[in-house]
C-alpha atoms as a PDB file:
ATOM      1  CA  ALA A   1     -27.040  75.751  46.806  1.00  0.00           C
ATOM      2  CA  PHE A   2     -28.702  72.735  48.142  1.00  0.00           C
ATOM      3  CA  ILE A   3     -31.103  72.446  45.299  1.00  0.00           C
ATOM      4  CA  GLU A   4     -28.332  72.732  43.096  1.00  0.00           C
ATOM      5  CA  GLU A   5     -26.667  69.998  44.726  1.00  0.00           C
ATOM      6  CA  ARG A   6     -29.689  67.875  44.725  1.00  0.00           C
ATOM      7  CA  GLU A   7     -30.237  68.427  40.956  1.00  0.00           C
ATOM      8  CA  GLU A   8     -26.612  67.590  40.394  1.00  0.00           C
ATOM      9  CA  GLY A   9     -27.217  64.358  42.280  1.00  0.00           C
ATOM     10  CA  ILE A  10     -30.271  63.548  40.196  1.00  0.00           C
ATOM     11  CA  LYS A  11     -28.383  64.075  37.047  1.00  0.00           C
ATOM     12  CA  GLU A  12     -25.528  61.827  38.243  1.00  0.00           C
ATOM     13  CA  LEU A  13     -27.824  59.275  39.244  1.00  0.00           C
ATOM     14  CA  GLU A  14     -29.852  59.500  35.962  1.00  0.00           C
ATOM     15  CA  SER A  15     -26.634  59.324  33.893  1.00  0.00           C
ATOM     16  CA  GLN A  16     -25.897  56.112  36.249  1.00  0.00           C
ATOM     17  CA  MET A  17     -29.280  54.663  35.495  1.00  0.00           C
ATOM     18  CA  LEU A  18     -28.810  55.240  31.621  1.00  0.00           C
ATOM     19  CA  GLU A  19     -25.393  53.444  31.842  1.00  0.00           C
ATOM     20  CA  VAL A  20     -26.931  50.646  33.562  1.00  0.00           C
ATOM     21  CA  ASN A  21     -29.786  50.625  31.094  1.00  0.00           C
ATOM     22  CA  ASP A  22     -27.015  50.314  28.296  1.00  0.00           C
ATOM     23  CA  ILE A  23     -25.089  47.475  30.229  1.00  0.00           C
ATOM     24  CA  PHE A  24     -28.443  45.602  30.257  1.00  0.00           C
ATOM     25  CA  LYS A  25     -28.996  46.062  26.651  1.00  0.00           C
ATOM     26  CA  ASP A  26     -25.373  44.791  25.837  1.00  0.00           C
ATOM     27  CA  LEU A  27     -26.347  42.009  27.887  1.00  0.00           C
ATOM     28  CA  GLY A  28     -29.311  41.290  26.441  1.00  0.00           C
ATOM     29  CA  ASN A  29     -27.799  41.065  22.978  1.00  0.00           C
ATOM     30  CA  LEU A  30     -25.207  38.810  24.330  1.00  0.00           C
ATOM     31  CA  VAL A  31     -27.445  36.369  25.563  1.00  0.00           C
ATOM     32  CA  VAL A  32     -29.353  36.464  22.127  1.00  0.00           C
ATOM     33  CA  GLU A  33     -26.140  35.938  20.076  1.00  0.00           C
ATOM     34  CA  GLN A  34     -25.036  33.180  22.301  1.00  0.00           C
ATOM     35  CA  GLY A  35     -28.461  31.744  22.148  1.00  0.00           C
ATOM     36  CA  GLU A  36     -28.088  31.624  18.554  1.00  0.00           C
ATOM     37  CA  MET A  37     -24.699  29.983  18.623  1.00  0.00           C
ATOM     38  CA  LEU A  38     -25.892  27.516  20.924  1.00  0.00           C
ATOM     39  CA  ASP A  39     -28.450  26.478  18.607  1.00  0.00           C
ATOM     40  CA  SER A  40     -26.408  26.526  15.508  1.00  0.00           C
ATOM     41  CA  ILE A  41     -23.996  24.083  17.804  1.00  0.00           C
ATOM     42  CA  GLU A  42     -26.905  21.972  18.697  1.00  0.00           C
ATOM     43  CA  TYR A  43     -28.028  21.671  15.125  1.00  0.00           C
ATOM     44  CA  ASN A  44     -24.431  20.791  13.862  1.00  0.00           C
ATOM     45  CA  MET A  45     -24.081  18.191  16.599  1.00  0.00           C
ATOM     46  CA  THR A  46     -27.457  16.561  15.523  1.00  0.00           C
ATOM     47  CA  ALA A  47     -26.361  16.699  11.748  1.00  0.00           C
ATOM     48  CA  THR A  48     -23.185  15.239  12.898  1.00  0.00           C
ATOM     49  CA  SER A  49     -24.832  12.412  15.019  1.00  0.00           C
ATOM     50  CA  THR A  50     -27.141  11.629  11.658  1.00  0.00           C
ATOM     51  CA  HIS A  51     -24.004  11.537   9.244  1.00  0.00           C
ATOM     52  CA  VAL A  52     -21.990   9.093  11.443  1.00  0.00           C
ATOM     53  CA  ASP A  53     -24.871   6.821  11.819  1.00  0.00           C
ATOM     54  CA  ASN A  54     -25.491   6.980   8.013  1.00  0.00           C
ATOM     55  CA  GLY A  55     -21.445   6.593   7.519  1.00  0.00           C
ATOM     56  CA  ARG A  56     -21.515   3.494   9.949  1.00  0.00           C
ATOM     57  CA  GLU A  57     -24.553   1.902   7.716  1.00  0.00           C
ATOM     58  CA  GLN A  58     -22.476   2.306   4.572  1.00  0.00           C
ATOM     59  CA  LEU A  59     -19.517   0.781   6.135  1.00  0.00           C
ATOM     60  CA  GLY A  60     -21.436  -2.163   7.160  1.00  0.00           C
ATOM     61  CA  LYS A  61     -22.854  -2.703   3.540  1.00  0.00           C
ATOM     62  CA  ALA A  62     -19.241  -2.126   1.924  1.00  0.00           C
ATOM     63  CA  SER A  63     -17.960  -5.116   4.344  1.00  0.00           C
ATOM     64  CA  ARG A  64     -20.782  -7.002   2.967  1.00  0.00           C
ATOM     65  CA  TYR A  65     -20.279  -6.093  -0.679  1.00  0.00           C
ATOM     66  CA  GLN A  66     -16.413  -6.731  -0.119  1.00  0.00           C
ATOM     67  CA  LYS A  67     -17.002 -10.370   1.266  1.00  0.00           C
ATOM     68  CA  LYS A  68     -19.026 -11.259  -1.588  1.00  0.00           C
ATOM     69  CA  ALA A  69     -16.820 -10.148  -4.056  1.00  0.00           C
ATOM     70  CA  ARG A  70     -14.069 -12.143  -2.534  1.00  0.00           C
ATOM     71  CA  ASN A  71     -16.136 -15.152  -2.244  1.00  0.00           C
ATOM     72  CA  LYS A  72     -17.188 -14.562  -5.945  1.00  0.00           C
ATOM     73  CA  MET A  73     -13.325 -14.376  -6.777  1.00  0.00           C
ATOM     74  CA  MET A  74     -12.653 -17.849  -5.226  1.00  0.00           C
ATOM     75  CA  CYS A  75     -15.421 -19.618  -6.887  1.00  0.00           C
ATOM     76  CA  LEU A  76     -14.120 -18.095 -10.172  1.00  0.00           C
ATOM     77  CA  LEU A  77     -10.646 -19.052  -9.488  1.00  0.00           C
ATOM     78  CA  VAL A  78     -11.634 -22.685  -8.533  1.00  0.00           C
ATOM     79  CA  ILE A  79     -13.548 -22.755 -11.840  1.00  0.00           C
ATOM     80  CA  VAL A  80     -10.574 -21.575 -13.759  1.00  0.00           C
ATOM     81  CA  VAL A  81      -8.380 -24.037 -12.117  1.00  0.00           C
ATOM     82  CA  VAL A  82     -10.854 -27.050 -12.502  1.00  0.00           C
ATOM     83  CA  VAL A  83     -11.026 -26.176 -16.292  1.00  0.00           C
ATOM     84  CA  ALA A  84      -7.275 -25.793 -16.484  1.00  0.00           C
ATOM     85  CA  ALA A  85      -6.817 -29.101 -14.953  1.00  0.00           C
ATOM     86  CA  VAL A  86      -9.469 -30.982 -17.130  1.00  0.00           C
ATOM     87  CA  LEU A  87      -7.752 -29.266 -20.419  1.00  0.00           C
ATOM     88  CA  THR A  88      -4.271 -30.629 -19.222  1.00  0.00           C
ATOM     89  CA  ILE A  89      -5.789 -33.935 -18.658  1.00  0.00           C
ATOM     90  CA  ILE A  90      -7.298 -34.059 -22.189  1.00  0.00           C
ATOM     91  CA  LEU A  91      -4.153 -32.778 -23.663  1.00  0.00           C
ATOM     92  CA  VAL A  92      -1.942 -35.089 -22.112  1.00  0.00           C
ATOM     93  CA  THR A  93      -3.982 -38.094 -22.920  1.00  0.00           C
ATOM     94  CA  SER A  94      -4.689 -37.014 -26.329  1.00  0.00           C
ATOM     95  CA  LEU A  95      -0.917 -37.067 -26.767  1.00  0.00           C
ATOM     96  CA  LYS A  96      -0.289 -40.095 -25.321  1.00  0.00           C
ATOM     97  CA  LYS A  97      -2.828 -41.797 -27.608  1.00  0.00           C
ATOM     98  CA  SER A  98      -1.182 -40.416 -30.779  1.00  0.00           C
ATOM     99  CA  GLY A  99       2.017 -42.006 -30.076  1.00  0.00           C
ATOM    100  CA  GLY A 100       4.665 -40.428 -27.754  1.00  0.00           C
ATOM    101  CA  GLY A 101       3.989 -36.775 -28.293  1.00  0.00           C
ATOM    102  CA  GLY A 102       3.317 -36.276 -31.945  1.00  0.00           C
ATOM    103  CA  GLY A 103       6.791 -35.837 -32.779  1.00  0.00           C
ATOM    104  CA  GLY A 104       7.104 -37.200 -35.851  1.00  0.00           C
ATOM    105  CA  SER A 105       3.978 -35.519 -37.278  1.00  0.00           C
ATOM    106  CA  ALA A 106       5.461 -32.379 -36.351  1.00  0.00           C
ATOM    107  CA  THR A 107       8.398 -32.993 -38.980  1.00  0.00           C
ATOM    108  CA  THR A 108       6.137 -34.051 -41.651  1.00  0.00           C
ATOM    109  CA  THR A 109       3.929 -30.854 -41.774  1.00  0.00           C
ATOM    110  CA  LEU A 110       6.925 -28.755 -41.960  1.00  0.00           C
ATOM    111  CA  ALA A 111       7.583 -28.035 -45.674  1.00  0.00           C
ATOM    112  CA  PRO A 112      11.397 -27.349 -46.509  1.00  0.00           C
ATOM    113  CA  THR A 113      12.222 -24.119 -47.760  1.00  0.00           C
ATOM    114  CA  THR A 114      14.136 -23.269 -51.065  1.00  0.00           C
ATOM    115  CA  ALA A 115      16.769 -20.688 -51.148  1.00  0.00           C
ATOM    116  CA  PRO A 116      16.325 -18.449 -54.015  1.00  0.00           C
END
C-alpha cells in the first residue's frame, strides 16, 4: 500500500511537472510573440518619425515656393498696371491732339446704307 501511494504521488508530481513545463513553454511563446510585436512597434515609430521629418521639410519648401509665387504675381500685376497706365496716357494724349476726341472722323468713315 505504501509503495502504491508513493508511486501514485510520483505520478501526480510528474503530471504537475508536465503542466509546469507546458506553462513555461506557453510563457516562452508569449514572450517571443510580444518581442516581435515590440520590434514591429519600434520599427513603425522610427518610420513615422522619419516621415514626419520629411513632411516638415516638404511643408517648409512649399511655404517658400508659395511666397516666391506670390511675389512673382505681385510683380506681374505691377507690370500690367504700369503698361495699362502708359497705354491709357498714350491714348488720351493722342485723342487730345487729334482734335477733341475724333468725333468728326468717326462720322466720315461710316458709309450710308441704301435700302433695297
